[in-house]
Amino acid sequence: NRDRRVFVGLTAFYDDSKKDRTWRFRHCELKVTCLAPEVPQNGLYATESFEFNSTVDFACNNSFFMSNGSALRTCLNTGDYDGEQPTCSACTRINNCADIRCTNETDQHCVLCESNHGHLK
């Protein structure tokens, strides 16, 4: 694991005005970046950056729903994300349905019937 924290604008000087005569540092800014998160299987994410305090929005592909994890994760000052990595699970199969949409295990509906079903005769 490499440290994803970088000091920007660091000024160092030797201070011999005191008995300890040590190096002193001024004007530090800590720049933190997180690594790109893992893309969930059957899912995706969107973000504008991977810097400290930026957010990553996760979503699942059609016919899948987020069964575990966090839909929104934030890059922390440690270089890690808060929350848990999302998991996308398949919607339950609906007979004669070509395109299923769901938000959880029980809220599922058919958006498009298979070509030989769903027509009035």
N, C-alpha and C. Protein backbone atom coordinates (compact mmCIF):
# COMPACT_ATOMS: atom_id res chain seq x y z
N ASN A 1 0.84 -1.19 0.00
CA ASN A 1 0.00 0.00 0.00
C ASN A 1 0.88 1.24 0.00
N ARG A 2 0.77 2.06 -1.01
CA ARG A 2 1.55 3.29 -1.00
C ARG A 2 0.73 4.39 -0.34
N ASP A 3 1.40 5.31 0.30
CA ASP A 3 0.74 6.43 0.95
C ASP A 3 0.25 7.38 -0.13
N ARG A 4 -1.04 7.72 -0.10
CA ARG A 4 -1.63 8.59 -1.11
C ARG A 4 -1.76 10.03 -0.60
N ARG A 5 -0.98 10.37 0.42
CA ARG A 5 -0.97 11.72 0.94
C ARG A 5 0.32 12.40 0.50
N VAL A 6 0.21 13.61 0.00
CA VAL A 6 1.37 14.34 -0.49
C VAL A 6 1.37 15.73 0.15
N PHE A 7 2.51 16.14 0.67
CA PHE A 7 2.64 17.49 1.19
C PHE A 7 2.94 18.44 0.04
N VAL A 8 2.17 19.51 -0.05
CA VAL A 8 2.33 20.50 -1.12
C VAL A 8 2.71 21.82 -0.47
N GLY A 9 3.68 22.53 -1.03
CA GLY A 9 4.06 23.84 -0.51
C GLY A 9 4.80 23.77 0.81
N LEU A 10 5.58 22.74 1.01
CA LEU A 10 6.32 22.55 2.25
C LEU A 10 7.56 23.43 2.26
N THR A 11 7.71 24.20 3.32
CA THR A 11 8.89 25.02 3.50
C THR A 11 9.63 24.51 4.73
N ALA A 12 10.90 24.22 4.58
CA ALA A 12 11.70 23.74 5.70
C ALA A 12 12.83 24.73 5.96
N PHE A 13 13.13 24.94 7.22
CA PHE A 13 14.26 25.81 7.57
C PHE A 13 14.89 25.32 8.86
N TYR A 14 16.15 25.59 8.97
CA TYR A 14 16.89 25.20 10.17
C TYR A 14 16.80 26.33 11.18
N ASP A 15 16.26 26.02 12.33
CA ASP A 15 16.05 27.03 13.36
C ASP A 15 17.11 26.86 14.44
N ASP A 16 18.11 27.75 14.46
CA ASP A 16 19.14 27.66 15.49
C ASP A 16 18.94 28.71 16.58
N SER A 17 17.76 29.32 16.60
CA SER A 17 17.48 30.34 17.61
C SER A 17 17.13 29.72 18.97
N LYS A 18 16.83 28.44 18.96
CA LYS A 18 16.51 27.77 20.21
C LYS A 18 17.57 26.72 20.51
N LYS A 19 17.56 26.24 21.72
CA LYS A 19 18.58 25.28 22.13
C LYS A 19 18.55 23.98 21.33
N ASP A 20 17.34 23.54 20.91
CA ASP A 20 17.26 22.24 20.22
C ASP A 20 17.79 22.29 18.79
N ARG A 21 17.88 23.47 18.20
CA ARG A 21 18.42 23.67 16.85
C ARG A 21 17.95 22.58 15.87
N THR A 22 16.69 22.59 15.60
CA THR A 22 16.11 21.56 14.74
C THR A 22 15.50 22.19 13.49
N TRP A 23 15.17 21.33 12.56
CA TRP A 23 14.47 21.76 11.36
C TRP A 23 13.04 22.11 11.71
N ARG A 24 12.54 23.18 11.14
CA ARG A 24 11.16 23.62 11.33
C ARG A 24 10.47 23.61 9.96
N PHE A 25 9.18 23.38 9.98
CA PHE A 25 8.41 23.32 8.74
C PHE A 25 7.26 24.32 8.81
N ARG A 26 6.96 24.96 7.68
CA ARG A 26 5.88 25.93 7.60
C ARG A 26 5.09 25.75 6.32
N HIS A 27 3.90 26.30 6.34
CA HIS A 27 3.06 26.40 5.14
C HIS A 27 2.83 25.05 4.45
N CYS A 28 2.42 24.10 5.23
CA CYS A 28 2.15 22.78 4.67
C CYS A 28 0.68 22.67 4.28
N GLU A 29 0.46 22.02 3.20
CA GLU A 29 -0.89 21.68 2.78
C GLU A 29 -0.86 20.20 2.43
N LEU A 30 -1.78 19.45 2.99
CA LEU A 30 -1.83 18.02 2.75
C LEU A 30 -2.80 17.75 1.60
N LYS A 31 -2.29 17.21 0.51
CA LYS A 31 -3.14 16.86 -0.63
C LYS A 31 -3.33 15.36 -0.62
N VAL A 32 -4.59 14.93 -0.55
CA VAL A 32 -4.92 13.50 -0.45
C VAL A 32 -5.68 13.08 -1.70
N THR A 33 -5.31 11.94 -2.24
CA THR A 33 -6.09 11.35 -3.33
C THR A 33 -6.37 9.89 -2.98
N CYS A 34 -7.51 9.42 -3.42
CA CYS A 34 -7.88 8.02 -3.28
C CYS A 34 -7.63 7.32 -4.60
N LEU A 35 -7.37 6.05 -4.55
CA LEU A 35 -7.26 5.27 -5.78
C LEU A 35 -8.64 5.13 -6.40
N ALA A 36 -8.70 4.90 -7.68
CA ALA A 36 -9.98 4.65 -8.33
C ALA A 36 -10.61 3.42 -7.69
N PRO A 37 -11.89 3.51 -7.30
CA PRO A 37 -12.52 2.35 -6.66
C PRO A 37 -12.76 1.23 -7.65
N GLU A 38 -12.99 0.06 -7.12
CA GLU A 38 -13.31 -1.10 -7.96
C GLU A 38 -14.70 -0.90 -8.56
N VAL A 39 -14.84 -1.19 -9.83
CA VAL A 39 -16.15 -1.12 -10.47
C VAL A 39 -16.91 -2.38 -10.08
N PRO A 40 -18.13 -2.23 -9.52
CA PRO A 40 -18.88 -3.44 -9.15
C PRO A 40 -19.21 -4.28 -10.39
N GLN A 41 -19.17 -5.59 -10.23
CA GLN A 41 -19.59 -6.45 -11.34
C GLN A 41 -21.04 -6.13 -11.64
N ASN A 42 -21.38 -5.93 -12.91
CA ASN A 42 -22.71 -5.56 -13.38
C ASN A 42 -23.12 -4.18 -12.87
N GLY A 43 -22.13 -3.30 -12.70
CA GLY A 43 -22.40 -1.94 -12.24
C GLY A 43 -21.42 -0.95 -12.82
N LEU A 44 -21.48 0.27 -12.31
CA LEU A 44 -20.62 1.35 -12.79
C LEU A 44 -20.52 2.42 -11.71
N TYR A 45 -19.63 3.39 -11.93
CA TYR A 45 -19.56 4.54 -11.03
C TYR A 45 -19.26 5.80 -11.81
N ALA A 46 -19.55 6.94 -11.19
CA ALA A 46 -19.27 8.25 -11.78
C ALA A 46 -18.67 9.14 -10.70
N THR A 47 -17.66 9.94 -11.09
CA THR A 47 -17.04 10.89 -10.18
C THR A 47 -16.34 11.96 -11.00
N GLU A 48 -16.11 13.11 -10.38
CA GLU A 48 -15.36 14.17 -11.05
C GLU A 48 -13.88 14.13 -10.70
N SER A 49 -13.53 13.53 -9.55
CA SER A 49 -12.13 13.40 -9.17
C SER A 49 -12.00 12.34 -8.08
N PHE A 50 -10.76 12.03 -7.75
CA PHE A 50 -10.48 11.07 -6.68
C PHE A 50 -9.77 11.77 -5.51
N GLU A 51 -9.89 13.10 -5.43
CA GLU A 51 -9.24 13.86 -4.38
C GLU A 51 -10.05 13.83 -3.09
N PHE A 52 -9.39 14.22 -2.00
CA PHE A 52 -10.03 14.27 -0.69
C PHE A 52 -11.39 14.97 -0.76
N ASN A 53 -12.36 14.36 -0.13
CA ASN A 53 -13.72 14.87 0.01
C ASN A 53 -14.57 14.76 -1.26
N SER A 54 -14.01 14.23 -2.34
CA SER A 54 -14.81 14.02 -3.55
C SER A 54 -15.68 12.77 -3.34
N THR A 55 -16.78 12.70 -4.07
CA THR A 55 -17.70 11.57 -3.93
C THR A 55 -17.72 10.73 -5.20
N VAL A 56 -18.02 9.47 -5.00
CA VAL A 56 -18.18 8.52 -6.09
C VAL A 56 -19.60 7.96 -6.00
N ASP A 57 -20.37 8.10 -7.08
CA ASP A 57 -21.74 7.58 -7.14
C ASP A 57 -21.73 6.23 -7.86
N PHE A 58 -22.28 5.22 -7.21
CA PHE A 58 -22.35 3.88 -7.80
C PHE A 58 -23.77 3.58 -8.24
N ALA A 59 -23.89 2.79 -9.28
CA ALA A 59 -25.19 2.34 -9.77
C ALA A 59 -25.02 0.95 -10.37
N CYS A 60 -26.13 0.25 -10.48
CA CYS A 60 -26.12 -1.09 -11.09
C CYS A 60 -26.72 -1.02 -12.49
N ASN A 61 -26.28 -1.92 -13.35
CA ASN A 61 -26.81 -2.01 -14.70
C ASN A 61 -28.28 -2.40 -14.67
N ASN A 62 -28.96 -2.20 -15.81
CA ASN A 62 -30.35 -2.67 -15.93
C ASN A 62 -30.42 -4.15 -15.60
N SER A 63 -31.50 -4.56 -14.98
CA SER A 63 -31.75 -5.94 -14.56
C SER A 63 -30.92 -6.35 -13.35
N PHE A 64 -30.31 -5.37 -12.67
CA PHE A 64 -29.55 -5.61 -11.44
C PHE A 64 -29.92 -4.54 -10.42
N PHE A 65 -29.73 -4.85 -9.14
CA PHE A 65 -29.99 -3.89 -8.07
C PHE A 65 -28.85 -3.95 -7.06
N MET A 66 -28.67 -2.86 -6.30
CA MET A 66 -27.61 -2.82 -5.30
C MET A 66 -28.07 -3.56 -4.06
N SER A 67 -27.47 -4.73 -3.83
CA SER A 67 -27.89 -5.58 -2.72
C SER A 67 -27.08 -5.33 -1.45
N ASN A 68 -25.87 -4.81 -1.59
CA ASN A 68 -25.00 -4.52 -0.44
C ASN A 68 -24.17 -3.29 -0.77
N GLY A 69 -23.61 -2.68 0.26
CA GLY A 69 -22.67 -1.59 0.06
C GLY A 69 -23.33 -0.23 0.01
N SER A 70 -22.52 0.76 -0.33
CA SER A 70 -22.93 2.16 -0.30
C SER A 70 -23.03 2.71 -1.72
N ALA A 71 -24.15 3.37 -2.02
CA ALA A 71 -24.35 3.97 -3.34
C ALA A 71 -23.49 5.22 -3.52
N LEU A 72 -23.13 5.87 -2.42
CA LEU A 72 -22.31 7.08 -2.45
C LEU A 72 -21.16 6.90 -1.47
N ARG A 73 -19.93 7.06 -1.96
CA ARG A 73 -18.75 6.92 -1.10
C ARG A 73 -17.89 8.17 -1.24
N THR A 74 -17.27 8.59 -0.15
CA THR A 74 -16.47 9.80 -0.11
C THR A 74 -15.01 9.46 0.17
N CYS A 75 -14.10 10.16 -0.53
CA CYS A 75 -12.66 10.00 -0.32
C CYS A 75 -12.29 10.68 1.00
N LEU A 76 -11.70 9.91 1.92
CA LEU A 76 -11.34 10.41 3.24
C LEU A 76 -9.90 10.93 3.26
N ASN A 77 -9.53 11.64 4.33
CA ASN A 77 -8.17 12.18 4.42
C ASN A 77 -7.11 11.09 4.62
N THR A 78 -7.53 9.85 4.78
CA THR A 78 -6.60 8.72 4.88
C THR A 78 -6.25 8.14 3.51
N GLY A 79 -6.97 8.58 2.46
CA GLY A 79 -6.77 8.02 1.13
C GLY A 79 -7.66 6.82 0.87
N ASP A 80 -8.55 6.52 1.79
CA ASP A 80 -9.52 5.43 1.64
C ASP A 80 -10.91 6.04 1.46
N TYR A 81 -11.86 5.20 1.06
CA TYR A 81 -13.26 5.64 0.92
C TYR A 81 -14.05 5.23 2.15
N ASP A 82 -15.06 6.03 2.48
CA ASP A 82 -15.97 5.62 3.55
C ASP A 82 -16.94 4.59 2.99
N GLY A 83 -17.75 4.00 3.85
CA GLY A 83 -18.76 3.04 3.41
C GLY A 83 -18.16 1.73 2.93
N GLU A 84 -19.01 0.95 2.31
CA GLU A 84 -18.62 -0.38 1.82
C GLU A 84 -18.73 -0.45 0.31
N GLN A 85 -17.90 -1.27 -0.30
CA GLN A 85 -17.94 -1.48 -1.75
C GLN A 85 -19.31 -2.07 -2.13
N PRO A 86 -20.00 -1.48 -3.10
CA PRO A 86 -21.32 -1.99 -3.50
C PRO A 86 -21.25 -3.33 -4.24
N THR A 87 -22.33 -4.06 -4.13
CA THR A 87 -22.51 -5.32 -4.84
C THR A 87 -23.82 -5.24 -5.61
N CYS A 88 -23.80 -5.63 -6.87
CA CYS A 88 -25.00 -5.64 -7.70
C CYS A 88 -25.48 -7.08 -7.86
N SER A 89 -26.76 -7.30 -7.60
CA SER A 89 -27.36 -8.63 -7.73
C SER A 89 -28.42 -8.60 -8.83
N ALA A 90 -28.60 -9.74 -9.46
CA ALA A 90 -29.56 -9.84 -10.56
C ALA A 90 -30.99 -9.80 -10.05
N CYS A 91 -31.85 -9.15 -10.82
CA CYS A 91 -33.29 -9.19 -10.55
C CYS A 91 -33.76 -10.63 -10.73
N THR A 92 -34.82 -10.99 -10.04
CA THR A 92 -35.40 -12.32 -10.20
C THR A 92 -36.03 -12.43 -11.59
N ARG A 93 -35.80 -13.53 -12.22
CA ARG A 93 -36.34 -13.74 -13.57
C ARG A 93 -37.85 -13.68 -13.55
N ILE A 94 -38.42 -12.97 -14.51
CA ILE A 94 -39.87 -12.92 -14.72
C ILE A 94 -40.14 -13.61 -16.06
N ASN A 95 -40.97 -14.63 -16.05
CA ASN A 95 -41.27 -15.36 -17.29
C ASN A 95 -41.76 -14.43 -18.38
N ASN A 96 -41.27 -14.67 -19.59
CA ASN A 96 -41.67 -13.96 -20.80
C ASN A 96 -41.31 -12.47 -20.78
N CYS A 97 -40.32 -12.10 -19.99
CA CYS A 97 -39.91 -10.70 -19.90
C CYS A 97 -38.52 -10.55 -20.50
N ALA A 98 -38.37 -9.61 -21.43
CA ALA A 98 -37.09 -9.37 -22.08
C ALA A 98 -36.25 -8.32 -21.33
N ASP A 99 -36.89 -7.45 -20.55
CA ASP A 99 -36.17 -6.39 -19.84
C ASP A 99 -36.80 -6.18 -18.47
N ILE A 100 -36.10 -6.64 -17.42
CA ILE A 100 -36.59 -6.54 -16.05
C ILE A 100 -35.89 -5.38 -15.36
N ARG A 101 -36.62 -4.60 -14.58
CA ARG A 101 -36.03 -3.54 -13.76
C ARG A 101 -36.41 -3.81 -12.31
N CYS A 102 -35.49 -3.51 -11.39
CA CYS A 102 -35.77 -3.73 -9.98
C CYS A 102 -34.94 -2.77 -9.13
N THR A 103 -35.46 -2.46 -7.94
CA THR A 103 -34.72 -1.64 -6.98
C THR A 103 -34.29 -2.46 -5.78
N ASN A 104 -34.92 -3.63 -5.60
CA ASN A 104 -34.54 -4.57 -4.55
C ASN A 104 -35.09 -5.94 -4.93
N GLU A 105 -35.03 -6.90 -4.03
CA GLU A 105 -35.47 -8.27 -4.33
C GLU A 105 -36.96 -8.38 -4.61
N THR A 106 -37.76 -7.50 -4.03
CA THR A 106 -39.21 -7.63 -4.17
C THR A 106 -39.83 -6.59 -5.10
N ASP A 107 -39.19 -5.46 -5.31
CA ASP A 107 -39.73 -4.41 -6.18
C ASP A 107 -39.17 -4.61 -7.59
N GLN A 108 -39.84 -5.45 -8.36
CA GLN A 108 -39.38 -5.77 -9.71
C GLN A 108 -40.54 -5.66 -10.69
N HIS A 109 -40.24 -5.21 -11.89
CA HIS A 109 -41.29 -5.13 -12.90
C HIS A 109 -40.70 -5.34 -14.30
N CYS A 110 -41.56 -5.79 -15.17
CA CYS A 110 -41.16 -6.06 -16.55
C CYS A 110 -41.37 -4.80 -17.39
N VAL A 111 -40.32 -4.35 -18.05
CA VAL A 111 -40.38 -3.16 -18.88
C VAL A 111 -40.70 -3.52 -20.33
N LEU A 112 -40.25 -4.71 -20.76
CA LEU A 112 -40.43 -5.12 -22.14
C LEU A 112 -40.69 -6.62 -22.20
N CYS A 113 -41.84 -6.98 -22.73
CA CYS A 113 -42.17 -8.40 -22.87
C CYS A 113 -41.38 -9.00 -24.03
N GLU A 114 -41.16 -10.31 -23.98
CA GLU A 114 -40.51 -10.98 -25.10
C GLU A 114 -41.39 -10.84 -26.33
N SER A 115 -40.83 -10.96 -27.51
CA SER A 115 -41.53 -10.63 -28.76
C SER A 115 -42.83 -11.40 -28.99
N ASN A 116 -42.97 -12.59 -28.45
CA ASN A 116 -44.18 -13.37 -28.72
C ASN A 116 -45.14 -13.35 -27.53
N HIS A 117 -44.97 -12.42 -26.59
CA HIS A 117 -45.84 -12.36 -25.42
C HIS A 117 -46.31 -10.93 -25.18
N GLY A 118 -47.40 -10.79 -24.49
CA GLY A 118 -47.86 -9.48 -24.08
C GLY A 118 -48.72 -8.76 -25.08
N HIS A 119 -49.09 -9.41 -26.17
CA HIS A 119 -49.94 -8.78 -27.16
C HIS A 119 -51.38 -9.28 -27.02
N LEU A 120 -52.30 -8.34 -27.19
CA LEU A 120 -53.71 -8.74 -27.17
C LEU A 120 -54.05 -9.40 -28.48
N LYS A 121 -54.87 -10.47 -28.41
CA LYS A 121 -55.27 -11.17 -29.64
C LYS A 121 -56.76 -11.10 -29.79
